[in-house]
Amino acid sequence: MIFSRKRKLKKEFDDKLVNLLKETKDDWNNAKIIEDLVDDYDLDVIAQRKIAESIHFYLFKEARIRKILIK
């Protein structure tokens, strides 16, 4: 009884992590596009890209630890 609830919770949170990974990937790609489109050297844009990149890779590392397969 308890183990089935654990599996259900794990699956629910793994699905949330996968969705969050996809969202952060989109954010990171958008930040890269914005950085490419900016003509001037803008530190704020570069910082936003690096923040999005680090968040995405942190979540990716967590997914690897949890052994989640993204389909």
PDB file of N, CA and C in Angstrom:
ATOM      1  N   MET A   1       0.822  -1.183   0.000  1.00  0.00           N
ATOM      2  CA  MET A   1       0.000   0.000   0.000  1.00  0.00           C
ATOM      3  C   MET A   1       0.875   1.260   0.000  1.00  0.00           C
ATOM      4  N   ILE A   2       1.821   1.296   0.905  1.00  0.00           N
ATOM      5  CA  ILE A   2       2.683   2.474   1.007  1.00  0.00           C
ATOM      6  C   ILE A   2       3.584   2.587  -0.216  1.00  0.00           C
ATOM      7  N   PHE A   3       4.045   1.455  -0.743  1.00  0.00           N
ATOM      8  CA  PHE A   3       4.968   1.501  -1.873  1.00  0.00           C
ATOM      9  C   PHE A   3       4.290   1.994  -3.143  1.00  0.00           C
ATOM     10  N   SER A   4       3.013   1.678  -3.307  1.00  0.00           N
ATOM     11  CA  SER A   4       2.318   2.166  -4.503  1.00  0.00           C
ATOM     12  C   SER A   4       2.160   3.683  -4.440  1.00  0.00           C
ATOM     13  N   ARG A   5       1.964   4.217  -3.255  1.00  0.00           N
ATOM     14  CA  ARG A   5       1.850   5.666  -3.105  1.00  0.00           C
ATOM     15  C   ARG A   5       3.196   6.331  -3.371  1.00  0.00           C
ATOM     16  N   LYS A   6       4.285   5.675  -2.949  1.00  0.00           N
ATOM     17  CA  LYS A   6       5.616   6.209  -3.213  1.00  0.00           C
ATOM     18  C   LYS A   6       5.884   6.270  -4.714  1.00  0.00           C
ATOM     19  N   ARG A   7       5.524   5.206  -5.423  1.00  0.00           N
ATOM     20  CA  ARG A   7       5.732   5.177  -6.873  1.00  0.00           C
ATOM     21  C   ARG A   7       4.908   6.262  -7.561  1.00  0.00           C
ATOM     22  N   LYS A   8       3.684   6.449  -7.069  1.00  0.00           N
ATOM     23  CA  LYS A   8       2.808   7.465  -7.657  1.00  0.00           C
ATOM     24  C   LYS A   8       3.386   8.858  -7.437  1.00  0.00           C
ATOM     25  N   LEU A   9       3.896   9.130  -6.246  1.00  0.00           N
ATOM     26  CA  LEU A   9       4.498  10.420  -5.951  1.00  0.00           C
ATOM     27  C   LEU A   9       5.767  10.630  -6.772  1.00  0.00           C
ATOM     28  N   LYS A  10       6.579   9.581  -6.886  1.00  0.00           N
ATOM     29  CA  LYS A  10       7.815   9.691  -7.666  1.00  0.00           C
ATOM     30  C   LYS A  10       7.493  10.000  -9.117  1.00  0.00           C
ATOM     31  N   LYS A  11       6.501   9.301  -9.665  1.00  0.00           N
ATOM     32  CA  LYS A  11       6.121   9.547 -11.055  1.00  0.00           C
ATOM     33  C   LYS A  11       5.589  10.967 -11.228  1.00  0.00           C
ATOM     34  N   GLU A  12       4.802  11.447 -10.282  1.00  0.00           N
ATOM     35  CA  GLU A  12       4.243  12.792 -10.365  1.00  0.00           C
ATOM     36  C   GLU A  12       5.352  13.851 -10.358  1.00  0.00           C
ATOM     37  N   PHE A  13       6.299  13.712  -9.440  1.00  0.00           N
ATOM     38  CA  PHE A  13       7.373  14.694  -9.352  1.00  0.00           C
ATOM     39  C   PHE A  13       8.377  14.553 -10.492  1.00  0.00           C
ATOM     40  N   ASP A  14       8.562  13.349 -11.006  1.00  0.00           N
ATOM     41  CA  ASP A  14       9.417  13.173 -12.177  1.00  0.00           C
ATOM     42  C   ASP A  14       8.796  13.854 -13.395  1.00  0.00           C
ATOM     43  N   ASP A  15       7.478  13.755 -13.531  1.00  0.00           N
ATOM     44  CA  ASP A  15       6.792  14.428 -14.632  1.00  0.00           C
ATOM     45  C   ASP A  15       6.924  15.947 -14.503  1.00  0.00           C
ATOM     46  N   LYS A  16       6.819  16.450 -13.281  1.00  0.00           N
ATOM     47  CA  LYS A  16       6.994  17.889 -13.062  1.00  0.00           C
ATOM     48  C   LYS A  16       8.409  18.320 -13.425  1.00  0.00           C
ATOM     49  N   LEU A  17       9.393  17.499 -13.079  1.00  0.00           N
ATOM     50  CA  LEU A  17      10.784  17.817 -13.402  1.00  0.00           C
ATOM     51  C   LEU A  17      11.004  17.828 -14.912  1.00  0.00           C
ATOM     52  N   VAL A  18      10.414  16.891 -15.624  1.00  0.00           N
ATOM     53  CA  VAL A  18      10.545  16.840 -17.080  1.00  0.00           C
ATOM     54  C   VAL A  18       9.925  18.091 -17.701  1.00  0.00           C
ATOM     55  N   ASN A  19       8.748  18.483 -17.224  1.00  0.00           N
ATOM     56  CA  ASN A  19       8.109  19.692 -17.743  1.00  0.00           C
ATOM     57  C   ASN A  19       8.948  20.924 -17.451  1.00  0.00           C
ATOM     58  N   LEU A  20       9.516  20.982 -16.265  1.00  0.00           N
ATOM     59  CA  LEU A  20      10.362  22.108 -15.896  1.00  0.00           C
ATOM     60  C   LEU A  20      11.632  22.138 -16.746  1.00  0.00           C
ATOM     61  N   LEU A  21      12.173  20.972 -17.053  1.00  0.00           N
ATOM     62  CA  LEU A  21      13.345  20.894 -17.932  1.00  0.00           C
ATOM     63  C   LEU A  21      13.027  21.442 -19.320  1.00  0.00           C
ATOM     64  N   LYS A  22      11.868  21.081 -19.843  1.00  0.00           N
ATOM     65  CA  LYS A  22      11.478  21.564 -21.167  1.00  0.00           C
ATOM     66  C   LYS A  22      11.277  23.083 -21.156  1.00  0.00           C
ATOM     67  N   GLU A  23      10.673  23.607 -20.094  1.00  0.00           N
ATOM     68  CA  GLU A  23      10.456  25.047 -19.991  1.00  0.00           C
ATOM     69  C   GLU A  23      11.780  25.801 -19.895  1.00  0.00           C
ATOM     70  N   THR A  24      12.704  25.286 -19.086  1.00  0.00           N
ATOM     71  CA  THR A  24      13.983  25.970 -18.939  1.00  0.00           C
ATOM     72  C   THR A  24      14.809  25.879 -20.218  1.00  0.00           C
ATOM     73  N   LYS A  25      14.660  24.792 -20.965  1.00  0.00           N
ATOM     74  CA  LYS A  25      15.344  24.673 -22.258  1.00  0.00           C
ATOM     75  C   LYS A  25      14.834  25.755 -23.206  1.00  0.00           C
ATOM     76  N   ASP A  26      13.516  25.968 -23.216  1.00  0.00           N
ATOM     77  CA  ASP A  26      12.942  27.021 -24.058  1.00  0.00           C
ATOM     78  C   ASP A  26      13.423  28.401 -23.610  1.00  0.00           C
ATOM     79  N   ASP A  27      13.460  28.634 -22.299  1.00  0.00           N
ATOM     80  CA  ASP A  27      13.947  29.915 -21.776  1.00  0.00           C
ATOM     81  C   ASP A  27      15.402  30.160 -22.178  1.00  0.00           C
ATOM     82  N   TRP A  28      16.198  29.118 -22.084  1.00  0.00           N
ATOM     83  CA  TRP A  28      17.612  29.223 -22.435  1.00  0.00           C
ATOM     84  C   TRP A  28      17.777  29.536 -23.934  1.00  0.00           C
ATOM     85  N   ASN A  29      16.998  28.834 -24.770  1.00  0.00           N
ATOM     86  CA  ASN A  29      17.069  29.093 -26.205  1.00  0.00           C
ATOM     87  C   ASN A  29      16.624  30.517 -26.534  1.00  0.00           C
ATOM     88  N   ASN A  30      15.576  30.989 -25.870  1.00  0.00           N
ATOM     89  CA  ASN A  30      15.121  32.359 -26.091  1.00  0.00           C
ATOM     90  C   ASN A  30      16.185  33.367 -25.663  1.00  0.00           C
ATOM     91  N   ALA A  31      16.850  33.094 -24.564  1.00  0.00           N
ATOM     92  CA  ALA A  31      17.905  33.998 -24.093  1.00  0.00           C
ATOM     93  C   ALA A  31      19.077  34.020 -25.074  1.00  0.00           C
ATOM     94  N   LYS A  32      19.404  32.862 -25.663  1.00  0.00           N
ATOM     95  CA  LYS A  32      20.476  32.823 -26.661  1.00  0.00           C
ATOM     96  C   LYS A  32      20.096  33.618 -27.906  1.00  0.00           C
ATOM     97  N   ILE A  33      18.844  33.507 -28.323  1.00  0.00           N
ATOM     98  CA  ILE A  33      18.380  34.245 -29.502  1.00  0.00           C
ATOM     99  C   ILE A  33      18.417  35.749 -29.237  1.00  0.00           C
ATOM    100  N   ILE A  34      17.958  36.148 -28.055  1.00  0.00           N
ATOM    101  CA  ILE A  34      17.977  37.570 -27.700  1.00  0.00           C
ATOM    102  C   ILE A  34      19.410  38.090 -27.667  1.00  0.00           C
ATOM    103  N   GLU A  35      20.318  37.292 -27.130  1.00  0.00           N
ATOM    104  CA  GLU A  35      21.720  37.716 -27.080  1.00  0.00           C
ATOM    105  C   GLU A  35      22.298  37.876 -28.491  1.00  0.00           C
ATOM    106  N   ASP A  36      21.910  37.011 -29.395  1.00  0.00           N
ATOM    107  CA  ASP A  36      22.393  37.119 -30.771  1.00  0.00           C
ATOM    108  C   ASP A  36      21.817  38.347 -31.479  1.00  0.00           C
ATOM    109  N   LEU A  37      20.594  38.695 -31.142  1.00  0.00           N
ATOM    110  CA  LEU A  37      19.937  39.816 -31.814  1.00  0.00           C
ATOM    111  C   LEU A  37      20.390  41.180 -31.302  1.00  0.00           C
ATOM    112  N   VAL A  38      20.926  41.226 -30.095  1.00  0.00           N
ATOM    113  CA  VAL A  38      21.363  42.498 -29.531  1.00  0.00           C
ATOM    114  C   VAL A  38      22.659  42.921 -30.215  1.00  0.00           C
ATOM    115  N   ASP A  39      22.661  44.149 -30.724  1.00  0.00           N
ATOM    116  CA  ASP A  39      23.842  44.656 -31.420  1.00  0.00           C
ATOM    117  C   ASP A  39      24.936  45.079 -30.454  1.00  0.00           C
ATOM    118  N   ASP A  40      24.530  45.687 -29.367  1.00  0.00           N
ATOM    119  CA  ASP A  40      25.486  46.214 -28.399  1.00  0.00           C
ATOM    120  C   ASP A  40      25.854  45.123 -27.391  1.00  0.00           C
ATOM    121  N   TYR A  41      27.000  45.257 -26.788  1.00  0.00           N
ATOM    122  CA  TYR A  41      27.464  44.326 -25.753  1.00  0.00           C
ATOM    123  C   TYR A  41      26.738  44.676 -24.459  1.00  0.00           C
ATOM    124  N   ASP A  42      25.731  43.883 -24.102  1.00  0.00           N
ATOM    125  CA  ASP A  42      24.898  44.178 -22.943  1.00  0.00           C
ATOM    126  C   ASP A  42      25.105  43.097 -21.882  1.00  0.00           C
ATOM    127  N   LEU A  43      25.612  43.509 -20.727  1.00  0.00           N
ATOM    128  CA  LEU A  43      25.901  42.549 -19.656  1.00  0.00           C
ATOM    129  C   LEU A  43      24.639  41.926 -19.078  1.00  0.00           C
ATOM    130  N   ASP A  44      23.526  42.668 -19.062  1.00  0.00           N
ATOM    131  CA  ASP A  44      22.285  42.123 -18.523  1.00  0.00           C
ATOM    132  C   ASP A  44      21.775  40.958 -19.358  1.00  0.00           C
ATOM    133  N   VAL A  45      21.876  41.089 -20.656  1.00  0.00           N
ATOM    134  CA  VAL A  45      21.424  40.022 -21.546  1.00  0.00           C
ATOM    135  C   VAL A  45      22.309  38.794 -21.384  1.00  0.00           C
ATOM    136  N   ILE A  46      23.595  39.004 -21.273  1.00  0.00           N
ATOM    137  CA  ILE A  46      24.526  37.881 -21.082  1.00  0.00           C
ATOM    138  C   ILE A  46      24.278  37.198 -19.741  1.00  0.00           C
ATOM    139  N   ALA A  47      24.011  37.998 -18.720  1.00  0.00           N
ATOM    140  CA  ALA A  47      23.739  37.440 -17.395  1.00  0.00           C
ATOM    141  C   ALA A  47      22.452  36.621 -17.407  1.00  0.00           C
ATOM    142  N   GLN A  48      21.431  37.108 -18.090  1.00  0.00           N
ATOM    143  CA  GLN A  48      20.173  36.359 -18.173  1.00  0.00           C
ATOM    144  C   GLN A  48      20.366  35.024 -18.889  1.00  0.00           C
ATOM    145  N   ARG A  49      21.202  35.025 -19.942  1.00  0.00           N
ATOM    146  CA  ARG A  49      21.476  33.771 -20.654  1.00  0.00           C
ATOM    147  C   ARG A  49      22.211  32.783 -19.767  1.00  0.00           C
ATOM    148  N   LYS A  50      23.193  33.287 -19.030  1.00  0.00           N
ATOM    149  CA  LYS A  50      23.968  32.402 -18.163  1.00  0.00           C
ATOM    150  C   LYS A  50      23.124  31.865 -17.016  1.00  0.00           C
ATOM    151  N   ILE A  51      22.218  32.674 -16.503  1.00  0.00           N
ATOM    152  CA  ILE A  51      21.317  32.214 -15.443  1.00  0.00           C
ATOM    153  C   ILE A  51      20.415  31.109 -15.971  1.00  0.00           C
ATOM    154  N   ALA A  52      19.828  31.324 -17.152  1.00  0.00           N
ATOM    155  CA  ALA A  52      18.953  30.312 -17.752  1.00  0.00           C
ATOM    156  C   ALA A  52      19.717  29.028 -18.037  1.00  0.00           C
ATOM    157  N   GLU A  53      20.956  29.168 -18.495  1.00  0.00           N
ATOM    158  CA  GLU A  53      21.786  27.997 -18.789  1.00  0.00           C
ATOM    159  C   GLU A  53      22.112  27.218 -17.517  1.00  0.00           C
ATOM    160  N   SER A  54      22.472  27.920 -16.457  1.00  0.00           N
ATOM    161  CA  SER A  54      22.832  27.232 -15.214  1.00  0.00           C
ATOM    162  C   SER A  54      21.622  26.553 -14.582  1.00  0.00           C
ATOM    163  N   ILE A  55      20.454  27.170 -14.666  1.00  0.00           N
ATOM    164  CA  ILE A  55      19.238  26.538 -14.136  1.00  0.00           C
ATOM    165  C   ILE A  55      18.937  25.263 -14.916  1.00  0.00           C
ATOM    166  N   HIS A  56      19.046  25.352 -16.239  1.00  0.00           N
ATOM    167  CA  HIS A  56      18.752  24.174 -17.060  1.00  0.00           C
ATOM    168  C   HIS A  56      19.718  23.032 -16.752  1.00  0.00           C
ATOM    169  N   PHE A  57      21.004  23.334 -16.646  1.00  0.00           N
ATOM    170  CA  PHE A  57      21.967  22.268 -16.387  1.00  0.00           C
ATOM    171  C   PHE A  57      21.849  21.709 -14.971  1.00  0.00           C
ATOM    172  N   TYR A  58      21.424  22.531 -14.011  1.00  0.00           N
ATOM    173  CA  TYR A  58      21.185  22.014 -12.667  1.00  0.00           C
ATOM    174  C   TYR A  58      20.031  21.015 -12.696  1.00  0.00           C
ATOM    175  N   LEU A  59      18.947  21.359 -13.375  1.00  0.00           N
ATOM    176  CA  LEU A  59      17.815  20.444 -13.462  1.00  0.00           C
ATOM    177  C   LEU A  59      18.177  19.194 -14.256  1.00  0.00           C
ATOM    178  N   PHE A  60      19.001  19.360 -15.282  1.00  0.00           N
ATOM    179  CA  PHE A  60      19.452  18.211 -16.063  1.00  0.00           C
ATOM    180  C   PHE A  60      20.268  17.252 -15.201  1.00  0.00           C
ATOM    181  N   LYS A  61      21.129  17.812 -14.361  1.00  0.00           N
ATOM    182  CA  LYS A  61      21.930  16.986 -13.453  1.00  0.00           C
ATOM    183  C   LYS A  61      21.027  16.244 -12.465  1.00  0.00           C
ATOM    184  N   GLU A  62      20.004  16.923 -11.973  1.00  0.00           N
ATOM    185  CA  GLU A  62      19.054  16.280 -11.055  1.00  0.00           C
ATOM    186  C   GLU A  62      18.303  15.146 -11.757  1.00  0.00           C
ATOM    187  N   ALA A  63      17.948  15.341 -13.009  1.00  0.00           N
ATOM    188  CA  ALA A  63      17.269  14.287 -13.768  1.00  0.00           C
ATOM    189  C   ALA A  63      18.185  13.087 -13.972  1.00  0.00           C
ATOM    190  N   ARG A  64      19.473  13.342 -14.198  1.00  0.00           N
ATOM    191  CA  ARG A  64      20.417  12.229 -14.333  1.00  0.00           C
ATOM    192  C   ARG A  64      20.551  11.462 -13.028  1.00  0.00           C
ATOM    193  N   ILE A  65      20.565  12.167 -11.903  1.00  0.00           N
ATOM    194  CA  ILE A  65      20.666  11.503 -10.601  1.00  0.00           C
ATOM    195  C   ILE A  65      19.453  10.636 -10.350  1.00  0.00           C
ATOM    196  N   ARG A  66      18.282  11.149 -10.725  1.00  0.00           N
ATOM    197  CA  ARG A  66      17.027  10.391 -10.537  1.00  0.00           C
ATOM    198  C   ARG A  66      16.808   9.326 -11.600  1.00  0.00           C
ATOM    199  N   LYS A  67      17.681   9.307 -12.622  1.00  0.00           N
ATOM    200  CA  LYS A  67      17.607   8.347 -13.724  1.00  0.00           C
ATOM    201  C   LYS A  67      16.273   8.443 -14.473  1.00  0.00           C
ATOM    202  N   ILE A  68      15.947   9.677 -14.847  1.00  0.00           N
ATOM    203  CA  ILE A  68      14.712   9.942 -15.584  1.00  0.00           C
ATOM    204  C   ILE A  68      15.023   9.919 -17.062  1.00  0.00           C
ATOM    205  N   LEU A  69      14.186   9.222 -17.818  1.00  0.00           N
ATOM    206  CA  LEU A  69      14.314   9.189 -19.269  1.00  0.00           C
ATOM    207  C   LEU A  69      13.302  10.159 -19.853  1.00  0.00           C
ATOM    208  N   ILE A  70      13.767  11.074 -20.692  1.00  0.00           N
ATOM    209  CA  ILE A  70      12.888  12.046 -21.327  1.00  0.00           C
ATOM    210  C   ILE A  70      12.559  11.530 -22.713  1.00  0.00           C
ATOM    211  N   LYS A  71      11.283  11.413 -22.976  1.00  0.00           N
ATOM    212  CA  LYS A  71      10.845  10.857 -24.253  1.00  0.00           C
ATOM    213  C   LYS A  71      10.471  11.956 -25.207  1.00  0.00           C
TER     214      LYS A  71
END
